[in-house]
Amino acid sequence: MKSTQELMNEHEGIQVMLGILQSVTNLIVAGESVPKKELEGIMEFLTVFVDKCHHGKEEDFLFPALEAAGVARDGGPIGVMLHEHERGRRHVADMKNALGDFTVRGMKTDAFRNAVEEYVSLLNQHIFKENNVLFPMAEKILSADDDKKLYENFEKLEIERIGLGKHEEFHALMDALSKKYKS
């Protein structure tokens, strides 16, 4: 399915950024400075790309389509995914709070590290569940017409929520940061 493949492709990018986030966090914990602009870019990626765009596609379109096809929300995989999305939002808020004014002096290093560790662990497990349980389930129960509608809605959401060209900006940021920070 084109729609679930798009979500899995986005997962790959998210995991690259999670690796960058971990590298940046290690530098911060070691007392090294990371440019404010880069930290702001990472936080924007997590807030806009991961949450508004990627999770928006799932929450606004994929999950309702699965529910309409008979997948239970409460007590089922959709409910679990929604709960994890909320936990992720709290971890990102904790990271932003710990970063303070994005300078070493204004930063709560231990709180930042803890929020990053929780977030990275959560998202890696979440991505595994979606790629290996939820998306294969969707591919079995959704029709080709459902897939087409989902993909069209995904494209529309991306334009409306993050804007034209923003996706490409996030990829450029990820590529630049990956060269600098990925081990």
C-alpha atoms as a PDB file:
ATOM      1  CA  MET A   1       0.000   0.000   0.000  1.00  0.00           C
ATOM      2  CA  LYS A   2       1.243   3.416  -0.971  1.00  0.00           C
ATOM      3  CA  SER A   3      -0.078   5.046   2.216  1.00  0.00           C
ATOM      4  CA  THR A   4       1.585   2.666   4.676  1.00  0.00           C
ATOM      5  CA  GLN A   5       4.808   2.749   2.635  1.00  0.00           C
ATOM      6  CA  GLU A   6       4.858   6.543   2.966  1.00  0.00           C
ATOM      7  CA  LEU A   7       4.464   6.239   6.735  1.00  0.00           C
ATOM      8  CA  MET A   8       7.269   3.650   6.901  1.00  0.00           C
ATOM      9  CA  ASN A   9       9.517   5.922   4.822  1.00  0.00           C
ATOM     10  CA  GLU A  10       8.801   8.710   7.287  1.00  0.00           C
ATOM     11  CA  HIS A  11       9.705   6.338  10.119  1.00  0.00           C
ATOM     12  CA  GLU A  12      13.155   5.914   8.571  1.00  0.00           C
ATOM     13  CA  GLY A  13      13.698   9.675   8.609  1.00  0.00           C
ATOM     14  CA  ILE A  14      12.400   9.933  12.158  1.00  0.00           C
ATOM     15  CA  GLN A  15      14.857   7.263  13.284  1.00  0.00           C
ATOM     16  CA  VAL A  16      17.727   9.141  11.646  1.00  0.00           C
ATOM     17  CA  MET A  17      16.723  12.259  13.584  1.00  0.00           C
ATOM     18  CA  LEU A  18      16.456  10.238  16.799  1.00  0.00           C
ATOM     19  CA  GLY A  19      20.071   9.151  16.295  1.00  0.00           C
ATOM     20  CA  ILE A  20      21.096  12.772  15.770  1.00  0.00           C
ATOM     21  CA  LEU A  21      19.164  13.778  18.887  1.00  0.00           C
ATOM     22  CA  GLN A  22      21.031  11.157  20.914  1.00  0.00           C
ATOM     23  CA  SER A  23      24.407  12.358  19.604  1.00  0.00           C
ATOM     24  CA  VAL A  24      23.565  15.984  20.350  1.00  0.00           C
ATOM     25  CA  THR A  25      22.375  15.010  23.829  1.00  0.00           C
ATOM     26  CA  ASN A  26      25.664  13.220  24.533  1.00  0.00           C
ATOM     27  CA  LEU A  27      27.552  16.392  23.590  1.00  0.00           C
ATOM     28  CA  ILE A  28      25.341  18.528  25.813  1.00  0.00           C
ATOM     29  CA  VAL A  29      25.756  16.145  28.750  1.00  0.00           C
ATOM     30  CA  ALA A  30      29.536  16.293  28.194  1.00  0.00           C
ATOM     31  CA  GLY A  31      29.329  20.088  28.584  1.00  0.00           C
ATOM     32  CA  GLU A  32      29.859  20.920  24.932  1.00  0.00           C
ATOM     33  CA  SER A  33      27.757  23.520  23.211  1.00  0.00           C
ATOM     34  CA  VAL A  34      25.463  22.823  20.293  1.00  0.00           C
ATOM     35  CA  PRO A  35      24.378  25.745  18.119  1.00  0.00           C
ATOM     36  CA  LYS A  36      21.002  27.151  19.157  1.00  0.00           C
ATOM     37  CA  LYS A  37      19.788  27.062  15.552  1.00  0.00           C
ATOM     38  CA  GLU A  38      20.452  23.323  15.342  1.00  0.00           C
ATOM     39  CA  LEU A  39      18.638  22.616  18.606  1.00  0.00           C
ATOM     40  CA  GLU A  40      15.703  24.707  17.418  1.00  0.00           C
ATOM     41  CA  GLY A  41      15.689  22.801  14.121  1.00  0.00           C
ATOM     42  CA  ILE A  42      15.608  19.448  15.901  1.00  0.00           C
ATOM     43  CA  MET A  43      12.756  20.577  18.167  1.00  0.00           C
ATOM     44  CA  GLU A  44      10.841  21.901  15.143  1.00  0.00           C
ATOM     45  CA  PHE A  45      11.333  18.568  13.362  1.00  0.00           C
ATOM     46  CA  LEU A  46       9.932  16.694  16.367  1.00  0.00           C
ATOM     47  CA  THR A  47       7.006  19.076  16.774  1.00  0.00           C
ATOM     48  CA  VAL A  48       6.082  19.746  13.170  1.00  0.00           C
ATOM     49  CA  PHE A  49       7.250  16.759  11.142  1.00  0.00           C
ATOM     50  CA  VAL A  50       6.832  13.952  13.653  1.00  0.00           C
ATOM     51  CA  ASP A  51       3.734  15.187  15.450  1.00  0.00           C
ATOM     52  CA  LYS A  52       1.735  17.509  13.208  1.00  0.00           C
ATOM     53  CA  CYS A  53       2.546  15.793   9.925  1.00  0.00           C
ATOM     54  CA  HIS A  54       3.312  12.119  10.580  1.00  0.00           C
ATOM     55  CA  HIS A  55       1.100  11.547  13.605  1.00  0.00           C
ATOM     56  CA  GLY A  56      -1.538  13.779  12.011  1.00  0.00           C
ATOM     57  CA  LYS A  57      -1.721  11.420   9.022  1.00  0.00           C
ATOM     58  CA  GLU A  58      -2.246   8.497  11.347  1.00  0.00           C
ATOM     59  CA  GLU A  59      -4.690  10.152  13.753  1.00  0.00           C
ATOM     60  CA  ASP A  60      -6.798  11.996  11.169  1.00  0.00           C
ATOM     61  CA  PHE A  61      -6.904   9.394   8.412  1.00  0.00           C
ATOM     62  CA  LEU A  62      -5.321   5.965   8.984  1.00  0.00           C
ATOM     63  CA  PHE A  63      -6.775   5.253  12.422  1.00  0.00           C
ATOM     64  CA  PRO A  64     -10.336   6.310  11.444  1.00  0.00           C
ATOM     65  CA  ALA A  65     -10.079   4.138   8.303  1.00  0.00           C
ATOM     66  CA  LEU A  66      -9.017   1.176  10.423  1.00  0.00           C
ATOM     67  CA  GLU A  67     -11.830   1.813  12.887  1.00  0.00           C
ATOM     68  CA  ALA A  68     -14.325   1.952  10.014  1.00  0.00           C
ATOM     69  CA  ALA A  69     -12.955  -1.427   8.874  1.00  0.00           C
ATOM     70  CA  GLY A  70     -13.617  -2.916  12.314  1.00  0.00           C
ATOM     71  CA  VAL A  71     -10.379  -2.431  14.268  1.00  0.00           C
ATOM     72  CA  ALA A  72     -11.157  -1.548  17.885  1.00  0.00           C
ATOM     73  CA  ARG A  73      -9.920   1.761  19.200  1.00  0.00           C
ATOM     74  CA  ASP A  74     -10.256   1.097  22.927  1.00  0.00           C
ATOM     75  CA  GLY A  75      -8.292  -1.902  24.093  1.00  0.00           C
ATOM     76  CA  GLY A  76      -6.805  -2.358  20.627  1.00  0.00           C
ATOM     77  CA  PRO A  77      -3.734  -1.237  18.694  1.00  0.00           C
ATOM     78  CA  ILE A  78      -5.214   2.157  17.781  1.00  0.00           C
ATOM     79  CA  GLY A  79      -5.728   3.069  21.415  1.00  0.00           C
ATOM     80  CA  VAL A  80      -2.160   2.046  22.204  1.00  0.00           C
ATOM     81  CA  MET A  81      -0.779   4.150  19.353  1.00  0.00           C
ATOM     82  CA  LEU A  82      -2.828   7.191  20.396  1.00  0.00           C
ATOM     83  CA  HIS A  83      -1.623   6.863  23.985  1.00  0.00           C
ATOM     84  CA  GLU A  84       1.970   6.665  22.783  1.00  0.00           C
ATOM     85  CA  HIS A  85       1.507   9.763  20.600  1.00  0.00           C
ATOM     86  CA  GLU A  86       0.380  11.657  23.712  1.00  0.00           C
ATOM     87  CA  ARG A  87       3.336  10.388  25.724  1.00  0.00           C
ATOM     88  CA  GLY A  88       5.662  11.498  22.939  1.00  0.00           C
ATOM     89  CA  ARG A  89       4.160  14.992  23.002  1.00  0.00           C
ATOM     90  CA  ARG A  90       4.813  15.203  26.737  1.00  0.00           C
ATOM     91  CA  HIS A  91       8.437  14.109  26.276  1.00  0.00           C
ATOM     92  CA  VAL A  92       8.997  16.767  23.585  1.00  0.00           C
ATOM     93  CA  ALA A  93       7.460  19.403  25.882  1.00  0.00           C
ATOM     94  CA  ASP A  94       9.805  18.227  28.647  1.00  0.00           C
ATOM     95  CA  MET A  95      12.786  18.521  26.272  1.00  0.00           C
ATOM     96  CA  LYS A  96      11.833  22.054  25.284  1.00  0.00           C
ATOM     97  CA  ASN A  97      11.342  23.027  28.908  1.00  0.00           C
ATOM     98  CA  ALA A  98      14.718  21.555  29.865  1.00  0.00           C
ATOM     99  CA  LEU A  99      16.439  23.381  27.006  1.00  0.00           C
ATOM    100  CA  GLY A 100      15.329  26.706  28.462  1.00  0.00           C
ATOM    101  CA  ASP A 101      16.769  29.435  26.284  1.00  0.00           C
ATOM    102  CA  PHE A 102      18.834  26.921  24.262  1.00  0.00           C
ATOM    103  CA  THR A 103      22.092  27.923  25.971  1.00  0.00           C
ATOM    104  CA  VAL A 104      24.185  25.731  28.266  1.00  0.00           C
ATOM    105  CA  ARG A 105      23.599  28.109  31.186  1.00  0.00           C
ATOM    106  CA  GLY A 106      19.823  28.061  30.751  1.00  0.00           C
ATOM    107  CA  MET A 107      19.638  24.329  30.249  1.00  0.00           C
ATOM    108  CA  LYS A 108      18.579  21.615  32.687  1.00  0.00           C
ATOM    109  CA  THR A 109      20.945  18.985  31.321  1.00  0.00           C
ATOM    110  CA  ASP A 110      19.762  15.984  33.357  1.00  0.00           C
ATOM    111  CA  ALA A 111      16.104  16.714  32.650  1.00  0.00           C
ATOM    112  CA  PHE A 112      16.882  17.083  28.939  1.00  0.00           C
ATOM    113  CA  ARG A 113      18.830  13.817  28.838  1.00  0.00           C
ATOM    114  CA  ASN A 114      16.044  11.969  30.660  1.00  0.00           C
ATOM    115  CA  ALA A 115      13.341  13.328  28.340  1.00  0.00           C
ATOM    116  CA  VAL A 116      15.429  12.416  25.279  1.00  0.00           C
ATOM    117  CA  GLU A 117      16.063   8.880  26.548  1.00  0.00           C
ATOM    118  CA  GLU A 118      12.359   8.347  27.261  1.00  0.00           C
ATOM    119  CA  TYR A 119      11.320   9.811  23.902  1.00  0.00           C
ATOM    120  CA  VAL A 120      13.832   7.846  21.827  1.00  0.00           C
ATOM    121  CA  SER A 121      12.927   4.595  23.570  1.00  0.00           C
ATOM    122  CA  LEU A 122       9.201   5.266  23.154  1.00  0.00           C
ATOM    123  CA  LEU A 123       9.454   6.176  19.479  1.00  0.00           C
ATOM    124  CA  ASN A 124      11.688   3.239  18.559  1.00  0.00           C
ATOM    125  CA  GLN A 125       9.231   0.805  20.172  1.00  0.00           C
ATOM    126  CA  HIS A 126       6.275   2.680  18.652  1.00  0.00           C
ATOM    127  CA  ILE A 127       7.757   2.555  15.151  1.00  0.00           C
ATOM    128  CA  PHE A 128       8.466  -1.162  15.515  1.00  0.00           C
ATOM    129  CA  LYS A 129       4.829  -1.837  16.494  1.00  0.00           C
ATOM    130  CA  GLU A 130       3.442   0.221  13.644  1.00  0.00           C
ATOM    131  CA  ASN A 131       5.767  -1.249  11.005  1.00  0.00           C
ATOM    132  CA  ASN A 132       5.332  -4.844  12.144  1.00  0.00           C
ATOM    133  CA  VAL A 133       1.779  -5.010  13.486  1.00  0.00           C
ATOM    134  CA  LEU A 134      -0.433  -2.045  12.610  1.00  0.00           C
ATOM    135  CA  PHE A 135       0.630  -1.407   9.025  1.00  0.00           C
ATOM    136  CA  PRO A 136       0.521  -5.094   7.966  1.00  0.00           C
ATOM    137  CA  MET A 137      -2.965  -5.213   9.533  1.00  0.00           C
ATOM    138  CA  ALA A 138      -3.973  -2.160   7.494  1.00  0.00           C
ATOM    139  CA  GLU A 139      -2.644  -3.738   4.310  1.00  0.00           C
ATOM    140  CA  LYS A 140      -4.802  -6.815   4.923  1.00  0.00           C
ATOM    141  CA  ILE A 141      -8.079  -5.070   5.692  1.00  0.00           C
ATOM    142  CA  LEU A 142      -8.068  -1.829   3.710  1.00  0.00           C
ATOM    143  CA  SER A 143      -9.001  -1.771   0.038  1.00  0.00           C
ATOM    144  CA  ALA A 144      -7.110  -0.232  -2.864  1.00  0.00           C
ATOM    145  CA  ASP A 145      -9.680   2.592  -2.841  1.00  0.00           C
ATOM    146  CA  ASP A 146      -9.051   3.138   0.883  1.00  0.00           C
ATOM    147  CA  ASP A 147      -5.328   3.286   0.178  1.00  0.00           C
ATOM    148  CA  LYS A 148      -5.802   5.815  -2.617  1.00  0.00           C
ATOM    149  CA  LYS A 149      -7.954   8.058  -0.390  1.00  0.00           C
ATOM    150  CA  LEU A 150      -5.475   7.782   2.467  1.00  0.00           C
ATOM    151  CA  TYR A 151      -2.540   8.722   0.256  1.00  0.00           C
ATOM    152  CA  GLU A 152      -4.409  11.693  -1.222  1.00  0.00           C
ATOM    153  CA  ASN A 153      -5.361  12.867   2.271  1.00  0.00           C
ATOM    154  CA  PHE A 154      -1.767  12.441   3.444  1.00  0.00           C
ATOM    155  CA  GLU A 155      -0.534  14.677   0.628  1.00  0.00           C
ATOM    156  CA  LYS A 156      -3.205  17.282   1.373  1.00  0.00           C
ATOM    157  CA  LEU A 157      -2.416  17.269   5.103  1.00  0.00           C
ATOM    158  CA  GLU A 158       1.281  17.748   4.405  1.00  0.00           C
ATOM    159  CA  ILE A 159       0.625  20.858   2.318  1.00  0.00           C
ATOM    160  CA  GLU A 160      -1.938  22.295   4.733  1.00  0.00           C
ATOM    161  CA  ARG A 161      -0.131  21.564   8.015  1.00  0.00           C
ATOM    162  CA  ILE A 162       3.506  22.081   7.199  1.00  0.00           C
ATOM    163  CA  GLY A 163       3.408  23.940   3.894  1.00  0.00           C
ATOM    164  CA  LEU A 164       4.964  23.552   0.490  1.00  0.00           C
ATOM    165  CA  GLY A 165       8.686  22.904   0.589  1.00  0.00           C
ATOM    166  CA  LYS A 166       8.859  22.348   4.350  1.00  0.00           C
ATOM    167  CA  HIS A 167       9.224  18.587   3.951  1.00  0.00           C
ATOM    168  CA  GLU A 168      12.290  19.220   1.776  1.00  0.00           C
ATOM    169  CA  GLU A 169      13.663  21.690   4.366  1.00  0.00           C
ATOM    170  CA  PHE A 170      13.383  18.999   7.029  1.00  0.00           C
ATOM    171  CA  HIS A 171      15.254  16.532   4.812  1.00  0.00           C
ATOM    172  CA  ALA A 172      18.007  19.105   4.208  1.00  0.00           C
ATOM    173  CA  LEU A 173      18.253  19.729   7.956  1.00  0.00           C
ATOM    174  CA  MET A 174      18.390  16.004   8.642  1.00  0.00           C
ATOM    175  CA  ASP A 175      21.108  15.516   6.013  1.00  0.00           C
ATOM    176  CA  ALA A 176      23.228  18.395   7.350  1.00  0.00           C
ATOM    177  CA  LEU A 177      22.879  17.319  10.975  1.00  0.00           C
ATOM    178  CA  SER A 178      23.469  13.690  10.074  1.00  0.00           C
ATOM    179  CA  LYS A 179      26.837  14.564   8.507  1.00  0.00           C
ATOM    180  CA  LYS A 180      27.801  16.578  11.572  1.00  0.00           C
ATOM    181  CA  TYR A 181      26.476  14.444  14.442  1.00  0.00           C
ATOM    182  CA  LYS A 182      25.684  10.898  13.414  1.00  0.00           C
ATOM    183  CA  SER A 183      28.256   8.455  14.635  1.00  0.00           C
END
